[in-house]
């Protein structure tokens, strides 16, 4: 990757790769020592290193989903490596034809043309519902330790 590749460009390439299910390109956009955190995942997910990202995308490739990003807004920050990205995925479950929309916010740090960290906030409840997995999500929530205790 070129050092001249801006965080905005890298994020757009990542979103396009995911839309096109071009997992090799998507994986290559991450640095070897990347950290990706999904704080609102159930359970919370964190991947360290490109190999974990590769495993994550291998699982994603097995899902019967097609995604199309729209309304992409990239906010540049005072830190030239960091952008905040807002967008929606319009999706379809290919096995049922069920359509859905998932809202996303990403905080991405890009260095030397590769993603070195990302905090990904996705609407996991809507995605689980689209995949008819709401009951699995509710079970996972019920099994999670309470933070109020």
Foldseek 3Di string as FASTA:
>chain_A
DAQPQFPVNLVVQLLVCVLVLVLVSNLVQADQQAWEWAVPDLVTDIDGGSVSVSVVSVVVSPFQKHWDKPPWDWAQDPPRQWIKIWIKIWMARNVPRQTFIKTKIKIFGHGRRHTRYIHIYIPVCRVCVRVVNNVVSVVSVVPDDDPVD
